Amino acid sequence: MRKRSVGINVRVSVTEKRKMTLMAKRCGLSLSEYLRQRALGYEPGGHPPTEVFDVLDKLDEIAENCSAREGAAINAQTDHLRDLLIGGN
């Protein structure tokens, strides 16, 4: 495991810190890890809000009440959207 023992101090405005904190939270990272990744050239991926998956689950429920053919088409589309959102293939 790497040992991180050296600090870097950077001055930012309140607005800049708020934006950086929000971006880190969207990526599921601490502010330090988010800034570290950005500084090292990585593009942290964001996590969609839980509500997005709730909507997709609701679409699956709707598909269950459709004909087999329509339901299969809806399920295929929601599966595709889930893959896009979470980086699947």
PDB file of N, CA and C in Angstrom:
ATOM      1  N   MET A   1       0.832  -1.176   0.000  1.00  0.00           N
ATOM      2  CA  MET A   1       0.000   0.000   0.000  1.00  0.00           C
ATOM      3  C   MET A   1       0.881   1.245   0.000  1.00  0.00           C
ATOM      4  N   ARG A   2       0.494   2.207  -0.821  1.00  0.00           N
ATOM      5  CA  ARG A   2       1.266   3.455  -0.868  1.00  0.00           C
ATOM      6  C   ARG A   2       1.056   4.268   0.395  1.00  0.00           C
ATOM      7  N   LYS A   3       2.103   4.908   0.808  1.00  0.00           N
ATOM      8  CA  LYS A   3       1.992   5.766   1.979  1.00  0.00           C
ATOM      9  C   LYS A   3       2.024   7.208   1.499  1.00  0.00           C
ATOM     10  N   ARG A   4       0.961   7.899   1.744  1.00  0.00           N
ATOM     11  CA  ARG A   4       0.877   9.308   1.353  1.00  0.00           C
ATOM     12  C   ARG A   4       1.169  10.154   2.574  1.00  0.00           C
ATOM     13  N   SER A   5       2.295  10.840   2.547  1.00  0.00           N
ATOM     14  CA  SER A   5       2.693  11.603   3.724  1.00  0.00           C
ATOM     15  C   SER A   5       2.991  13.060   3.421  1.00  0.00           C
ATOM     16  N   VAL A   6       2.906  13.451   2.141  1.00  0.00           N
ATOM     17  CA  VAL A   6       3.225  14.825   1.767  1.00  0.00           C
ATOM     18  C   VAL A   6       1.941  15.528   1.360  1.00  0.00           C
ATOM     19  N   GLY A   7       1.689  16.686   1.938  1.00  0.00           N
ATOM     20  CA  GLY A   7       0.490  17.452   1.617  1.00  0.00           C
ATOM     21  C   GLY A   7       0.772  18.533   0.590  1.00  0.00           C
ATOM     22  N   ILE A   8      -0.256  18.915  -0.138  1.00  0.00           N
ATOM     23  CA  ILE A   8      -0.181  20.025  -1.081  1.00  0.00           C
ATOM     24  C   ILE A   8      -1.317  20.979  -0.724  1.00  0.00           C
ATOM     25  N   ASN A   9      -0.990  22.223  -0.480  1.00  0.00           N
ATOM     26  CA  ASN A   9      -2.016  23.211  -0.142  1.00  0.00           C
ATOM     27  C   ASN A   9      -2.325  24.072  -1.362  1.00  0.00           C
ATOM     28  N   VAL A  10      -3.589  24.168  -1.675  1.00  0.00           N
ATOM     29  CA  VAL A  10      -4.032  24.967  -2.814  1.00  0.00           C
ATOM     30  C   VAL A  10      -5.140  25.892  -2.339  1.00  0.00           C
ATOM     31  N   ARG A  11      -5.063  27.150  -2.665  1.00  0.00           N
ATOM     32  CA  ARG A  11      -6.084  28.117  -2.283  1.00  0.00           C
ATOM     33  C   ARG A  11      -7.132  28.186  -3.396  1.00  0.00           C
ATOM     34  N   VAL A  12      -8.379  28.084  -3.019  1.00  0.00           N
ATOM     35  CA  VAL A  12      -9.495  28.191  -3.961  1.00  0.00           C
ATOM     36  C   VAL A  12     -10.575  29.069  -3.334  1.00  0.00           C
ATOM     37  N   SER A  13     -11.493  29.523  -4.169  1.00  0.00           N
ATOM     38  CA  SER A  13     -12.612  30.311  -3.658  1.00  0.00           C
ATOM     39  C   SER A  13     -13.646  29.362  -3.047  1.00  0.00           C
ATOM     40  N   VAL A  14     -14.567  29.912  -2.292  1.00  0.00           N
ATOM     41  CA  VAL A  14     -15.638  29.115  -1.699  1.00  0.00           C
ATOM     42  C   VAL A  14     -16.444  28.430  -2.804  1.00  0.00           C
ATOM     43  N   THR A  15     -16.726  29.146  -3.865  1.00  0.00           N
ATOM     44  CA  THR A  15     -17.490  28.591  -4.985  1.00  0.00           C
ATOM     45  C   THR A  15     -16.737  27.449  -5.652  1.00  0.00           C
ATOM     46  N   GLU A  16     -15.432  27.625  -5.853  1.00  0.00           N
ATOM     47  CA  GLU A  16     -14.633  26.568  -6.471  1.00  0.00           C
ATOM     48  C   GLU A  16     -14.618  25.320  -5.592  1.00  0.00           C
ATOM     49  N   LYS A  17     -14.448  25.503  -4.280  1.00  0.00           N
ATOM     50  CA  LYS A  17     -14.428  24.347  -3.386  1.00  0.00           C
ATOM     51  C   LYS A  17     -15.776  23.634  -3.404  1.00  0.00           C
ATOM     52  N   ARG A  18     -16.846  24.398  -3.393  1.00  0.00           N
ATOM     53  CA  ARG A  18     -18.181  23.806  -3.420  1.00  0.00           C
ATOM     54  C   ARG A  18     -18.358  22.970  -4.690  1.00  0.00           C
ATOM     55  N   LYS A  19     -17.917  23.499  -5.815  1.00  0.00           N
ATOM     56  CA  LYS A  19     -18.048  22.774  -7.092  1.00  0.00           C
ATOM     57  C   LYS A  19     -17.189  21.510  -7.090  1.00  0.00           C
ATOM     58  N   MET A  20     -15.951  21.617  -6.606  1.00  0.00           N
ATOM     59  CA  MET A  20     -15.072  20.448  -6.559  1.00  0.00           C
ATOM     60  C   MET A  20     -15.631  19.373  -5.633  1.00  0.00           C
ATOM     61  N   THR A  21     -16.177  19.787  -4.503  1.00  0.00           N
ATOM     62  CA  THR A  21     -16.760  18.841  -3.556  1.00  0.00           C
ATOM     63  C   THR A  21     -17.956  18.131  -4.177  1.00  0.00           C
ATOM     64  N   LEU A  22     -18.783  18.882  -4.891  1.00  0.00           N
ATOM     65  CA  LEU A  22     -19.942  18.299  -5.562  1.00  0.00           C
ATOM     66  C   LEU A  22     -19.507  17.299  -6.628  1.00  0.00           C
ATOM     67  N   MET A  23     -18.511  17.656  -7.415  1.00  0.00           N
ATOM     68  CA  MET A  23     -18.022  16.755  -8.462  1.00  0.00           C
ATOM     69  C   MET A  23     -17.446  15.481  -7.852  1.00  0.00           C
ATOM     70  N   ALA A  24     -16.713  15.619  -6.761  1.00  0.00           N
ATOM     71  CA  ALA A  24     -16.150  14.441  -6.080  1.00  0.00           C
ATOM     72  C   ALA A  24     -17.273  13.536  -5.579  1.00  0.00           C
ATOM     73  N   LYS A  25     -18.286  14.148  -4.981  1.00  0.00           N
ATOM     74  CA  LYS A  25     -19.413  13.370  -4.457  1.00  0.00           C
ATOM     75  C   LYS A  25     -20.119  12.630  -5.586  1.00  0.00           C
ATOM     76  N   ARG A  26     -20.308  13.280  -6.718  1.00  0.00           N
ATOM     77  CA  ARG A  26     -20.956  12.634  -7.865  1.00  0.00           C
ATOM     78  C   ARG A  26     -20.175  11.427  -8.357  1.00  0.00           C
ATOM     79  N   CYS A  27     -18.872  11.453  -8.159  1.00  0.00           N
ATOM     80  CA  CYS A  27     -18.018  10.344  -8.579  1.00  0.00           C
ATOM     81  C   CYS A  27     -17.851   9.297  -7.478  1.00  0.00           C
ATOM     82  N   GLY A  28     -18.406   9.568  -6.316  1.00  0.00           N
ATOM     83  CA  GLY A  28     -18.269   8.630  -5.206  1.00  0.00           C
ATOM     84  C   GLY A  28     -16.881   8.642  -4.593  1.00  0.00           C
ATOM     85  N   LEU A  29     -16.199   9.782  -4.697  1.00  0.00           N
ATOM     86  CA  LEU A  29     -14.832   9.890  -4.189  1.00  0.00           C
ATOM     87  C   LEU A  29     -14.734  10.975  -3.132  1.00  0.00           C
ATOM     88  N   SER A  30     -13.707  10.858  -2.303  1.00  0.00           N
ATOM     89  CA  SER A  30     -13.413  11.960  -1.383  1.00  0.00           C
ATOM     90  C   SER A  30     -12.860  13.111  -2.223  1.00  0.00           C
ATOM     91  N   LEU A  31     -12.888  14.300  -1.657  1.00  0.00           N
ATOM     92  CA  LEU A  31     -12.347  15.454  -2.380  1.00  0.00           C
ATOM     93  C   LEU A  31     -10.862  15.236  -2.691  1.00  0.00           C
ATOM     94  N   SER A  32     -10.113  14.705  -1.722  1.00  0.00           N
ATOM     95  CA  SER A  32      -8.684  14.455  -1.942  1.00  0.00           C
ATOM     96  C   SER A  32      -8.455  13.479  -3.085  1.00  0.00           C
ATOM     97  N   GLU A  33      -9.195  12.375  -3.101  1.00  0.00           N
ATOM     98  CA  GLU A  33      -9.016  11.373  -4.153  1.00  0.00           C
ATOM     99  C   GLU A  33      -9.443  11.927  -5.505  1.00  0.00           C
ATOM    100  N   TYR A  34     -10.526  12.683  -5.530  1.00  0.00           N
ATOM    101  CA  TYR A  34     -10.984  13.292  -6.784  1.00  0.00           C
ATOM    102  C   TYR A  34      -9.900  14.216  -7.353  1.00  0.00           C
ATOM    103  N   LEU A  35      -9.366  15.093  -6.511  1.00  0.00           N
ATOM    104  CA  LEU A  35      -8.335  16.033  -6.975  1.00  0.00           C
ATOM    105  C   LEU A  35      -7.060  15.300  -7.384  1.00  0.00           C
ATOM    106  N   ARG A  36      -6.710  14.240  -6.629  1.00  0.00           N
ATOM    107  CA  ARG A  36      -5.527  13.453  -6.968  1.00  0.00           C
ATOM    108  C   ARG A  36      -5.684  12.838  -8.356  1.00  0.00           C
ATOM    109  N   GLN A  37      -6.840  12.223  -8.607  1.00  0.00           N
ATOM    110  CA  GLN A  37      -7.079  11.595  -9.906  1.00  0.00           C
ATOM    111  C   GLN A  37      -7.064  12.620 -11.031  1.00  0.00           C
ATOM    112  N   ARG A  38      -7.714  13.752 -10.822  1.00  0.00           N
ATOM    113  CA  ARG A  38      -7.735  14.784 -11.856  1.00  0.00           C
ATOM    114  C   ARG A  38      -6.326  15.309 -12.145  1.00  0.00           C
ATOM    115  N   ALA A  39      -5.561  15.527 -11.088  1.00  0.00           N
ATOM    116  CA  ALA A  39      -4.205  16.060 -11.258  1.00  0.00           C
ATOM    117  C   ALA A  39      -3.294  15.073 -11.985  1.00  0.00           C
ATOM    118  N   LEU A  40      -3.561  13.779 -11.818  1.00  0.00           N
ATOM    119  CA  LEU A  40      -2.746  12.760 -12.463  1.00  0.00           C
ATOM    120  C   LEU A  40      -3.267  12.369 -13.842  1.00  0.00           C
ATOM    121  N   GLY A  41      -4.258  13.108 -14.318  1.00  0.00           N
ATOM    122  CA  GLY A  41      -4.739  12.897 -15.681  1.00  0.00           C
ATOM    123  C   GLY A  41      -5.878  11.913 -15.836  1.00  0.00           C
ATOM    124  N   TYR A  42      -6.429  11.424 -14.725  1.00  0.00           N
ATOM    125  CA  TYR A  42      -7.557  10.505 -14.803  1.00  0.00           C
ATOM    126  C   TYR A  42      -8.862  11.284 -14.880  1.00  0.00           C
ATOM    127  N   GLU A  43      -9.846  10.687 -15.505  1.00  0.00           N
ATOM    128  CA  GLU A  43     -11.185  11.270 -15.591  1.00  0.00           C
ATOM    129  C   GLU A  43     -12.114  10.396 -14.755  1.00  0.00           C
ATOM    130  N   PRO A  44     -12.334  10.756 -13.485  1.00  0.00           N
ATOM    131  CA  PRO A  44     -13.194   9.923 -12.646  1.00  0.00           C
ATOM    132  C   PRO A  44     -14.605   9.833 -13.229  1.00  0.00           C
ATOM    133  N   GLY A  45     -15.164   8.656 -13.176  1.00  0.00           N
ATOM    134  CA  GLY A  45     -16.521   8.476 -13.679  1.00  0.00           C
ATOM    135  C   GLY A  45     -17.541   8.842 -12.620  1.00  0.00           C
ATOM    136  N   GLY A  46     -18.636   9.396 -13.063  1.00  0.00           N
ATOM    137  CA  GLY A  46     -19.705   9.756 -12.143  1.00  0.00           C
ATOM    138  C   GLY A  46     -20.666   8.606 -11.925  1.00  0.00           C
ATOM    139  N   HIS A  47     -21.373   8.664 -10.845  1.00  0.00           N
ATOM    140  CA  HIS A  47     -22.400   7.678 -10.539  1.00  0.00           C
ATOM    141  C   HIS A  47     -23.754   8.333 -10.691  1.00  0.00           C
ATOM    142  N   PRO A  48     -24.634   7.739 -11.490  1.00  0.00           N
ATOM    143  CA  PRO A  48     -25.965   8.332 -11.616  1.00  0.00           C
ATOM    144  C   PRO A  48     -26.708   8.282 -10.285  1.00  0.00           C
ATOM    145  N   PRO A  49     -27.608   9.233 -10.086  1.00  0.00           N
ATOM    146  CA  PRO A  49     -28.397   9.209  -8.848  1.00  0.00           C
ATOM    147  C   PRO A  49     -29.256   7.953  -8.760  1.00  0.00           C
ATOM    148  N   THR A  50     -29.557   7.538  -7.555  1.00  0.00           N
ATOM    149  CA  THR A  50     -30.385   6.358  -7.310  1.00  0.00           C
ATOM    150  C   THR A  50     -31.719   6.463  -8.034  1.00  0.00           C
ATOM    151  N   GLU A  51     -32.241   7.673  -8.147  1.00  0.00           N
ATOM    152  CA  GLU A  51     -33.540   7.884  -8.792  1.00  0.00           C
ATOM    153  C   GLU A  51     -33.544   7.398 -10.236  1.00  0.00           C
ATOM    154  N   VAL A  52     -32.414   7.476 -10.909  1.00  0.00           N
ATOM    155  CA  VAL A  52     -32.334   6.995 -12.294  1.00  0.00           C
ATOM    156  C   VAL A  52     -32.629   5.499 -12.333  1.00  0.00           C
ATOM    157  N   PHE A  53     -32.051   4.765 -11.408  1.00  0.00           N
ATOM    158  CA  PHE A  53     -32.275   3.321 -11.375  1.00  0.00           C
ATOM    159  C   PHE A  53     -33.690   2.992 -10.910  1.00  0.00           C
ATOM    160  N   ASP A  54     -34.256   3.843 -10.058  1.00  0.00           N
ATOM    161  CA  ASP A  54     -35.649   3.657  -9.654  1.00  0.00           C
ATOM    162  C   ASP A  54     -36.579   3.762 -10.866  1.00  0.00           C
ATOM    163  N   VAL A  55     -36.298   4.723 -11.741  1.00  0.00           N
ATOM    164  CA  VAL A  55     -37.105   4.891 -12.960  1.00  0.00           C
ATOM    165  C   VAL A  55     -36.956   3.671 -13.864  1.00  0.00           C
ATOM    166  N   LEU A  56     -35.741   3.180 -14.021  1.00  0.00           N
ATOM    167  CA  LEU A  56     -35.525   1.997 -14.854  1.00  0.00           C
ATOM    168  C   LEU A  56     -36.245   0.778 -14.272  1.00  0.00           C
ATOM    169  N   ASP A  57     -36.236   0.655 -12.949  1.00  0.00           N
ATOM    170  CA  ASP A  57     -36.972  -0.449 -12.303  1.00  0.00           C
ATOM    171  C   ASP A  57     -38.467  -0.317 -12.554  1.00  0.00           C
ATOM    172  N   LYS A  58     -38.964   0.907 -12.517  1.00  0.00           N
ATOM    173  CA  LYS A  58     -40.387   1.137 -12.786  1.00  0.00           C
ATOM    174  C   LYS A  58     -40.719   0.740 -14.231  1.00  0.00           C
ATOM    175  N   LEU A  59     -39.827   1.050 -15.160  1.00  0.00           N
ATOM    176  CA  LEU A  59     -40.041   0.644 -16.557  1.00  0.00           C
ATOM    177  C   LEU A  59     -40.090  -0.879 -16.674  1.00  0.00           C
ATOM    178  N   ASP A  60     -39.264  -1.569 -15.893  1.00  0.00           N
ATOM    179  CA  ASP A  60     -39.306  -3.036 -15.886  1.00  0.00           C
ATOM    180  C   ASP A  60     -40.668  -3.534 -15.393  1.00  0.00           C
ATOM    181  N   GLU A  61     -41.206  -2.864 -14.370  1.00  0.00           N
ATOM    182  CA  GLU A  61     -42.530  -3.240 -13.868  1.00  0.00           C
ATOM    183  C   GLU A  61     -43.600  -3.037 -14.945  1.00  0.00           C
ATOM    184  N   ILE A  62     -43.498  -1.926 -15.662  1.00  0.00           N
ATOM    185  CA  ILE A  62     -44.446  -1.652 -16.746  1.00  0.00           C
ATOM    186  C   ILE A  62     -44.335  -2.739 -17.810  1.00  0.00           C
ATOM    187  N   ALA A  63     -43.109  -3.143 -18.109  1.00  0.00           N
ATOM    188  CA  ALA A  63     -42.881  -4.175 -19.123  1.00  0.00           C
ATOM    189  C   ALA A  63     -43.565  -5.482 -18.751  1.00  0.00           C
ATOM    190  N   GLU A  64     -43.627  -5.773 -17.449  1.00  0.00           N
ATOM    191  CA  GLU A  64     -44.269  -7.003 -16.992  1.00  0.00           C
ATOM    192  C   GLU A  64     -45.765  -7.020 -17.319  1.00  0.00           C
ATOM    193  N   ASN A  65     -46.362  -5.834 -17.443  1.00  0.00           N
ATOM    194  CA  ASN A  65     -47.788  -5.731 -17.724  1.00  0.00           C
ATOM    195  C   ASN A  65     -48.077  -5.601 -19.222  1.00  0.00           C
ATOM    196  N   CYS A  66     -47.064  -5.685 -20.043  1.00  0.00           N
ATOM    197  CA  CYS A  66     -47.220  -5.597 -21.491  1.00  0.00           C
ATOM    198  C   CYS A  66     -47.228  -7.004 -22.083  1.00  0.00           C
ATOM    199  N   SER A  67     -47.490  -7.040 -23.372  1.00  0.00           N
ATOM    200  CA  SER A  67     -47.393  -8.331 -24.055  1.00  0.00           C
ATOM    201  C   SER A  67     -45.953  -8.809 -23.972  1.00  0.00           C
ATOM    202  N   ALA A  68     -45.749 -10.101 -24.196  1.00  0.00           N
ATOM    203  CA  ALA A  68     -44.398 -10.674 -24.104  1.00  0.00           C
ATOM    204  C   ALA A  68     -43.435  -9.957 -25.047  1.00  0.00           C
ATOM    205  N   ARG A  69     -43.885  -9.675 -26.252  1.00  0.00           N
ATOM    206  CA  ARG A  69     -43.020  -9.034 -27.247  1.00  0.00           C
ATOM    207  C   ARG A  69     -42.678  -7.596 -26.841  1.00  0.00           C
ATOM    208  N   GLU A  70     -43.708  -6.834 -26.438  1.00  0.00           N
ATOM    209  CA  GLU A  70     -43.462  -5.449 -26.023  1.00  0.00           C
ATOM    210  C   GLU A  70     -42.616  -5.407 -24.749  1.00  0.00           C
ATOM    211  N   GLY A  71     -42.923  -6.300 -23.805  1.00  0.00           N
ATOM    212  CA  GLY A  71     -42.172  -6.357 -22.560  1.00  0.00           C
ATOM    213  C   GLY A  71     -40.713  -6.679 -22.788  1.00  0.00           C
ATOM    214  N   ALA A  72     -40.451  -7.597 -23.703  1.00  0.00           N
ATOM    215  CA  ALA A  72     -39.061  -7.955 -24.015  1.00  0.00           C
ATOM    216  C   ALA A  72     -38.324  -6.767 -24.617  1.00  0.00           C
ATOM    217  N   ALA A  73     -39.007  -6.001 -25.451  1.00  0.00           N
ATOM    218  CA  ALA A  73     -38.383  -4.824 -26.075  1.00  0.00           C
ATOM    219  C   ALA A  73     -38.072  -3.761 -25.021  1.00  0.00           C
ATOM    220  N   ILE A  74     -39.015  -3.538 -24.104  1.00  0.00           N
ATOM    221  CA  ILE A  74     -38.786  -2.557 -23.037  1.00  0.00           C
ATOM    222  C   ILE A  74     -37.638  -3.014 -22.148  1.00  0.00           C
ATOM    223  N   ASN A  75     -37.636  -4.293 -21.765  1.00  0.00           N
ATOM    224  CA  ASN A  75     -36.555  -4.815 -20.919  1.00  0.00           C
ATOM    225  C   ASN A  75     -35.196  -4.705 -21.594  1.00  0.00           C
ATOM    226  N   ALA A  76     -35.150  -4.944 -22.884  1.00  0.00           N
ATOM    227  CA  ALA A  76     -33.888  -4.830 -23.617  1.00  0.00           C
ATOM    228  C   ALA A  76     -33.373  -3.395 -23.573  1.00  0.00           C
ATOM    229  N   GLN A  77     -34.284  -2.438 -23.717  1.00  0.00           N
ATOM    230  CA  GLN A  77     -33.878  -1.033 -23.685  1.00  0.00           C
ATOM    231  C   GLN A  77     -33.427  -0.599 -22.292  1.00  0.00           C
ATOM    232  N   THR A  78     -34.151  -1.032 -21.256  1.00  0.00           N
ATOM    233  CA  THR A  78     -33.739  -0.659 -19.899  1.00  0.00           C
ATOM    234  C   THR A  78     -32.406  -1.311 -19.531  1.00  0.00           C
ATOM    235  N   ASP A  79     -32.189  -2.542 -19.989  1.00  0.00           N
ATOM    236  CA  ASP A  79     -30.896  -3.197 -19.752  1.00  0.00           C
ATOM    237  C   ASP A  79     -29.775  -2.423 -20.435  1.00  0.00           C
ATOM    238  N   HIS A  80     -30.043  -1.979 -21.657  1.00  0.00           N
ATOM    239  CA  HIS A  80     -29.048  -1.197 -22.405  1.00  0.00           C
ATOM    240  C   HIS A  80     -28.742   0.107 -21.663  1.00  0.00           C
ATOM    241  N   LEU A  81     -29.772   0.781 -21.159  1.00  0.00           N
ATOM    242  CA  LEU A  81     -29.566   2.027 -20.420  1.00  0.00           C
ATOM    243  C   LEU A  81     -28.755   1.783 -19.146  1.00  0.00           C
ATOM    244  N   ARG A  82     -29.048   0.706 -18.439  1.00  0.00           N
ATOM    245  CA  ARG A  82     -28.270   0.380 -17.237  1.00  0.00           C
ATOM    246  C   ARG A  82     -26.795   0.178 -17.585  1.00  0.00           C
ATOM    247  N   ASP A  83     -26.546  -0.549 -18.673  1.00  0.00           N
ATOM    248  CA  ASP A  83     -25.155  -0.773 -19.086  1.00  0.00           C
ATOM    249  C   ASP A  83     -24.456   0.543 -19.401  1.00  0.00           C
ATOM    250  N   LEU A  84     -25.150   1.441 -20.076  1.00  0.00           N
ATOM    251  CA  LEU A  84     -24.556   2.742 -20.390  1.00  0.00           C
ATOM    252  C   LEU A  84     -24.262   3.537 -19.118  1.00  0.00           C
ATOM    253  N   LEU A  85     -25.163   3.475 -18.161  1.00  0.00           N
ATOM    254  CA  LEU A  85     -25.016   4.244 -16.936  1.00  0.00           C
ATOM    255  C   LEU A  85     -23.907   3.736 -16.029  1.00  0.00           C
ATOM    256  N   ILE A  86     -23.715   2.436 -16.000  1.00  0.00           N
ATOM    257  CA  ILE A  86     -22.708   1.880 -15.075  1.00  0.00           C
ATOM    258  C   ILE A  86     -21.466   1.378 -15.801  1.00  0.00           C
ATOM    259  N   GLY A  87     -21.365   1.680 -17.076  1.00  0.00           N
ATOM    260  CA  GLY A  87     -20.157   1.334 -17.807  1.00  0.00           C
ATOM    261  C   GLY A  87     -20.057  -0.106 -18.216  1.00  0.00           C
ATOM    262  N   GLY A  88     -21.183  -0.774 -18.369  1.00  0.00           N
ATOM    263  CA  GLY A  88     -21.166  -2.165 -18.835  1.00  0.00           C
ATOM    264  C   GLY A  88     -20.880  -2.249 -20.315  1.00  0.00           C
ATOM    265  N   ASN A  89     -20.839  -3.469 -20.855  1.00  0.00           N
ATOM    266  CA  ASN A  89     -20.528  -3.654 -22.271  1.00  0.00           C
ATOM    267  C   ASN A  89     -21.781  -3.710 -23.098  1.00  0.00           C
TER     268      ASN A  89
END
